[in-house]
């Protein structure tokens, strides 16, 4: 006995993609709101490293920055997807929490949310054009 596979109609997938876009925009807004008090500082990359989590046995990669906030020199870290060669000595602008200077706003989170938005919009455009093409092909047949 064969299972029948259901194909999702373009209208259904458009609704799902719009929901993903709205949720991603909400998450991006919450992220931006959470770092609204962060200040931008010039920082120097002082190293990269990967750390192993003892709970999950996974590795996480980090870039370490040295910067000055409120007259105090601080070293903070931020997660990255891949370790990027030797970036030591490179200067970048980062956003940090002035009340807790070792906390750096994650560029990874922001980039990931932007990538999800772009991908969702591309999928939405594809599905909208696909749905219009399907409607044109389905012309009602006259029974006269």
C-alpha atoms as a PDB file:
ATOM      1  CA  UNK A   1       0.000   0.000   0.000  1.00  0.00           C
ATOM      2  CA  UNK A   2       1.489   3.323  -1.068  1.00  0.00           C
ATOM      3  CA  UNK A   3       1.216   6.460   0.974  1.00  0.00           C
ATOM      4  CA  UNK A   4      -0.287   9.468  -0.689  1.00  0.00           C
ATOM      5  CA  UNK A   5       1.951  12.493  -0.499  1.00  0.00           C
ATOM      6  CA  UNK A   6       0.300  15.858  -0.189  1.00  0.00           C
ATOM      7  CA  UNK A   7       1.727  18.774  -2.086  1.00  0.00           C
ATOM      8  CA  UNK A   8       1.424  22.121  -0.383  1.00  0.00           C
ATOM      9  CA  UNK A   9      -0.482  24.689  -2.399  1.00  0.00           C
ATOM     10  CA  UNK A  10       1.450  27.897  -3.186  1.00  0.00           C
ATOM     11  CA  UNK A  11      -1.083  29.929  -1.172  1.00  0.00           C
ATOM     12  CA  UNK A  12      -0.345  27.833   1.925  1.00  0.00           C
ATOM     13  CA  UNK A  13       3.414  28.168   1.537  1.00  0.00           C
ATOM     14  CA  UNK A  14       3.039  31.941   1.040  1.00  0.00           C
ATOM     15  CA  UNK A  15       1.195  32.180   4.365  1.00  0.00           C
ATOM     16  CA  UNK A  16       3.915  30.149   6.113  1.00  0.00           C
ATOM     17  CA  UNK A  17       6.704  32.273   4.604  1.00  0.00           C
ATOM     18  CA  UNK A  18       4.930  35.494   5.631  1.00  0.00           C
ATOM     19  CA  UNK A  19       4.668  34.104   9.178  1.00  0.00           C
ATOM     20  CA  UNK A  20       8.415  33.308   9.147  1.00  0.00           C
ATOM     21  CA  UNK A  21       9.175  36.847   7.912  1.00  0.00           C
ATOM     22  CA  UNK A  22       7.010  38.416  10.621  1.00  0.00           C
ATOM     23  CA  UNK A  23       8.556  36.243  13.362  1.00  0.00           C
ATOM     24  CA  UNK A  24      12.070  37.059  12.135  1.00  0.00           C
ATOM     25  CA  UNK A  25      11.280  40.782  12.046  1.00  0.00           C
ATOM     26  CA  UNK A  26       9.921  40.514  15.593  1.00  0.00           C
ATOM     27  CA  UNK A  27      13.074  38.695  16.750  1.00  0.00           C
ATOM     28  CA  UNK A  28      15.245  41.314  15.027  1.00  0.00           C
ATOM     29  CA  UNK A  29      13.271  44.102  16.740  1.00  0.00           C
ATOM     30  CA  UNK A  30      13.651  42.409  20.131  1.00  0.00           C
ATOM     31  CA  UNK A  31      17.390  41.979  19.529  1.00  0.00           C
ATOM     32  CA  UNK A  32      17.818  45.641  18.505  1.00  0.00           C
ATOM     33  CA  UNK A  33      15.754  46.732  21.528  1.00  0.00           C
ATOM     34  CA  UNK A  34      17.910  44.624  23.853  1.00  0.00           C
ATOM     35  CA  UNK A  35      21.103  46.400  22.698  1.00  0.00           C
ATOM     36  CA  UNK A  36      19.629  49.920  22.494  1.00  0.00           C
ATOM     37  CA  UNK A  37      21.818  51.169  25.383  1.00  0.00           C
ATOM     38  CA  UNK A  38      25.013  49.614  24.055  1.00  0.00           C
ATOM     39  CA  UNK A  39      27.736  52.007  22.933  1.00  0.00           C
ATOM     40  CA  UNK A  40      29.997  51.695  19.925  1.00  0.00           C
ATOM     41  CA  UNK A  41      33.705  51.447  20.691  1.00  0.00           C
ATOM     42  CA  UNK A  42      36.810  50.815  18.661  1.00  0.00           C
ATOM     43  CA  UNK A  43      38.281  47.437  19.546  1.00  0.00           C
ATOM     44  CA  UNK A  44      41.356  45.444  18.624  1.00  0.00           C
ATOM     45  CA  UNK A  45      41.194  41.721  17.934  1.00  0.00           C
ATOM     46  CA  UNK A  46      43.509  40.028  20.411  1.00  0.00           C
ATOM     47  CA  UNK A  47      42.816  36.441  19.415  1.00  0.00           C
ATOM     48  CA  UNK A  48      40.447  33.672  18.447  1.00  0.00           C
ATOM     49  CA  UNK A  49      39.773  30.416  20.193  1.00  0.00           C
ATOM     50  CA  UNK A  50      37.334  27.558  20.358  1.00  0.00           C
ATOM     51  CA  UNK A  51      35.911  26.263  23.600  1.00  0.00           C
ATOM     52  CA  UNK A  52      34.364  22.887  24.264  1.00  0.00           C
ATOM     53  CA  UNK A  53      31.089  22.729  26.162  1.00  0.00           C
ATOM     54  CA  UNK A  54      31.210  20.013  28.789  1.00  0.00           C
ATOM     55  CA  UNK A  55      27.421  19.591  28.764  1.00  0.00           C
ATOM     56  CA  UNK A  56      26.960  19.011  25.034  1.00  0.00           C
ATOM     57  CA  UNK A  57      30.542  18.223  23.977  1.00  0.00           C
ATOM     58  CA  UNK A  58      30.214  20.817  21.155  1.00  0.00           C
ATOM     59  CA  UNK A  59      32.822  23.379  20.206  1.00  0.00           C
ATOM     60  CA  UNK A  60      32.062  27.106  20.050  1.00  0.00           C
ATOM     61  CA  UNK A  61      34.332  29.573  18.274  1.00  0.00           C
ATOM     62  CA  UNK A  62      35.021  33.032  19.685  1.00  0.00           C
ATOM     63  CA  UNK A  63      36.831  36.207  18.727  1.00  0.00           C
ATOM     64  CA  UNK A  64      38.405  38.108  21.621  1.00  0.00           C
ATOM     65  CA  UNK A  65      38.532  41.915  21.581  1.00  0.00           C
ATOM     66  CA  UNK A  66      40.359  44.465  23.714  1.00  0.00           C
ATOM     67  CA  UNK A  67      38.734  47.878  24.085  1.00  0.00           C
ATOM     68  CA  UNK A  68      38.301  50.763  26.481  1.00  0.00           C
ATOM     69  CA  UNK A  69      34.983  51.629  28.138  1.00  0.00           C
ATOM     70  CA  UNK A  70      34.633  54.335  30.809  1.00  0.00           C
ATOM     71  CA  UNK A  71      38.438  54.571  31.038  1.00  0.00           C
ATOM     72  CA  UNK A  72      38.798  50.845  31.760  1.00  0.00           C
ATOM     73  CA  UNK A  73      40.516  48.410  29.373  1.00  0.00           C
ATOM     74  CA  UNK A  74      38.411  45.302  28.909  1.00  0.00           C
ATOM     75  CA  UNK A  75      38.774  42.016  27.038  1.00  0.00           C
ATOM     76  CA  UNK A  76      35.495  40.540  25.819  1.00  0.00           C
ATOM     77  CA  UNK A  77      34.519  37.737  23.484  1.00  0.00           C
ATOM     78  CA  UNK A  78      31.835  37.254  20.888  1.00  0.00           C
ATOM     79  CA  UNK A  79      30.748  34.050  19.115  1.00  0.00           C
ATOM     80  CA  UNK A  80      31.593  33.424  15.467  1.00  0.00           C
ATOM     81  CA  UNK A  81      30.568  30.594  13.158  1.00  0.00           C
ATOM     82  CA  UNK A  82      34.047  29.887  11.824  1.00  0.00           C
ATOM     83  CA  UNK A  83      37.452  30.763  13.203  1.00  0.00           C
ATOM     84  CA  UNK A  84      38.829  33.312  10.791  1.00  0.00           C
ATOM     85  CA  UNK A  85      42.572  32.915  10.403  1.00  0.00           C
ATOM     86  CA  UNK A  86      44.874  35.244  12.259  1.00  0.00           C
ATOM     87  CA  UNK A  87      42.954  38.498  12.717  1.00  0.00           C
ATOM     88  CA  UNK A  88      45.103  39.621  15.666  1.00  0.00           C
ATOM     89  CA  UNK A  89      45.748  43.350  15.598  1.00  0.00           C
ATOM     90  CA  UNK A  90      42.791  44.161  13.342  1.00  0.00           C
ATOM     91  CA  UNK A  91      40.622  47.033  14.603  1.00  0.00           C
ATOM     92  CA  UNK A  92      36.831  46.967  14.362  1.00  0.00           C
ATOM     93  CA  UNK A  93      33.905  48.869  15.785  1.00  0.00           C
ATOM     94  CA  UNK A  94      31.771  46.803  18.148  1.00  0.00           C
ATOM     95  CA  UNK A  95      28.843  47.579  20.447  1.00  0.00           C
ATOM     96  CA  UNK A  96      29.253  46.904  24.172  1.00  0.00           C
ATOM     97  CA  UNK A  97      27.116  47.260  27.257  1.00  0.00           C
ATOM     98  CA  UNK A  98      28.482  50.252  29.229  1.00  0.00           C
ATOM     99  CA  UNK A  99      27.100  48.825  32.499  1.00  0.00           C
ATOM    100  CA  UNK A 100      28.756  45.468  31.910  1.00  0.00           C
ATOM    101  CA  UNK A 101      31.640  46.222  29.504  1.00  0.00           C
ATOM    102  CA  UNK A 102      32.621  42.592  28.856  1.00  0.00           C
ATOM    103  CA  UNK A 103      29.256  42.010  27.124  1.00  0.00           C
ATOM    104  CA  UNK A 104      29.523  42.522  23.364  1.00  0.00           C
ATOM    105  CA  UNK A 105      26.516  42.714  21.034  1.00  0.00           C
ATOM    106  CA  UNK A 106      26.647  39.622  18.845  1.00  0.00           C
ATOM    107  CA  UNK A 107      27.191  40.343  15.163  1.00  0.00           C
ATOM    108  CA  UNK A 108      26.453  36.672  14.551  1.00  0.00           C
ATOM    109  CA  UNK A 109      22.877  37.004  15.819  1.00  0.00           C
ATOM    110  CA  UNK A 110      22.232  40.091  13.713  1.00  0.00           C
ATOM    111  CA  UNK A 111      23.726  38.536  10.566  1.00  0.00           C
ATOM    112  CA  UNK A 112      21.774  35.320  11.049  1.00  0.00           C
ATOM    113  CA  UNK A 113      18.468  37.183  11.382  1.00  0.00           C
ATOM    114  CA  UNK A 114      19.242  39.248   8.273  1.00  0.00           C
ATOM    115  CA  UNK A 115      20.097  36.078   6.329  1.00  0.00           C
ATOM    116  CA  UNK A 116      16.804  34.463   7.382  1.00  0.00           C
ATOM    117  CA  UNK A 117      14.919  37.586   6.265  1.00  0.00           C
ATOM    118  CA  UNK A 118      16.616  37.673   2.867  1.00  0.00           C
ATOM    119  CA  UNK A 119      16.031  33.956   2.292  1.00  0.00           C
ATOM    120  CA  UNK A 120      12.379  34.292   3.347  1.00  0.00           C
ATOM    121  CA  UNK A 121      11.804  37.204   0.958  1.00  0.00           C
ATOM    122  CA  UNK A 122      13.389  35.249  -1.909  1.00  0.00           C
ATOM    123  CA  UNK A 123      11.150  32.267  -1.136  1.00  0.00           C
ATOM    124  CA  UNK A 124       8.107  34.557  -0.906  1.00  0.00           C
ATOM    125  CA  UNK A 125       8.823  36.123  -4.297  1.00  0.00           C
ATOM    126  CA  UNK A 126       9.329  32.689  -5.843  1.00  0.00           C
ATOM    127  CA  UNK A 127       6.076  31.336  -4.392  1.00  0.00           C
ATOM    128  CA  UNK A 128       4.047  34.394  -5.376  1.00  0.00           C
ATOM    129  CA  UNK A 129       5.240  34.158  -8.986  1.00  0.00           C
ATOM    130  CA  UNK A 130       4.728  30.388  -8.932  1.00  0.00           C
ATOM    131  CA  UNK A 131       1.168  30.801  -7.595  1.00  0.00           C
ATOM    132  CA  UNK A 132       0.317  33.322 -10.333  1.00  0.00           C
ATOM    133  CA  UNK A 133       1.674  30.962 -12.997  1.00  0.00           C
ATOM    134  CA  UNK A 134      -0.428  28.098 -11.616  1.00  0.00           C
ATOM    135  CA  UNK A 135      -3.606  30.199 -11.659  1.00  0.00           C
ATOM    136  CA  UNK A 136      -3.041  31.151 -15.315  1.00  0.00           C
ATOM    137  CA  UNK A 137      -2.675  27.485 -16.315  1.00  0.00           C
ATOM    138  CA  UNK A 138      -5.865  26.468 -14.503  1.00  0.00           C
ATOM    139  CA  UNK A 139      -8.442  28.016 -16.760  1.00  0.00           C
ATOM    140  CA  UNK A 140     -12.042  27.014 -16.124  1.00  0.00           C
ATOM    141  CA  UNK A 141     -13.385  24.825 -18.902  1.00  0.00           C
ATOM    142  CA  UNK A 142     -16.759  25.694 -20.268  1.00  0.00           C
ATOM    143  CA  UNK A 143     -19.333  22.962 -20.375  1.00  0.00           C
ATOM    144  CA  UNK A 144     -21.473  24.479 -23.116  1.00  0.00           C
END
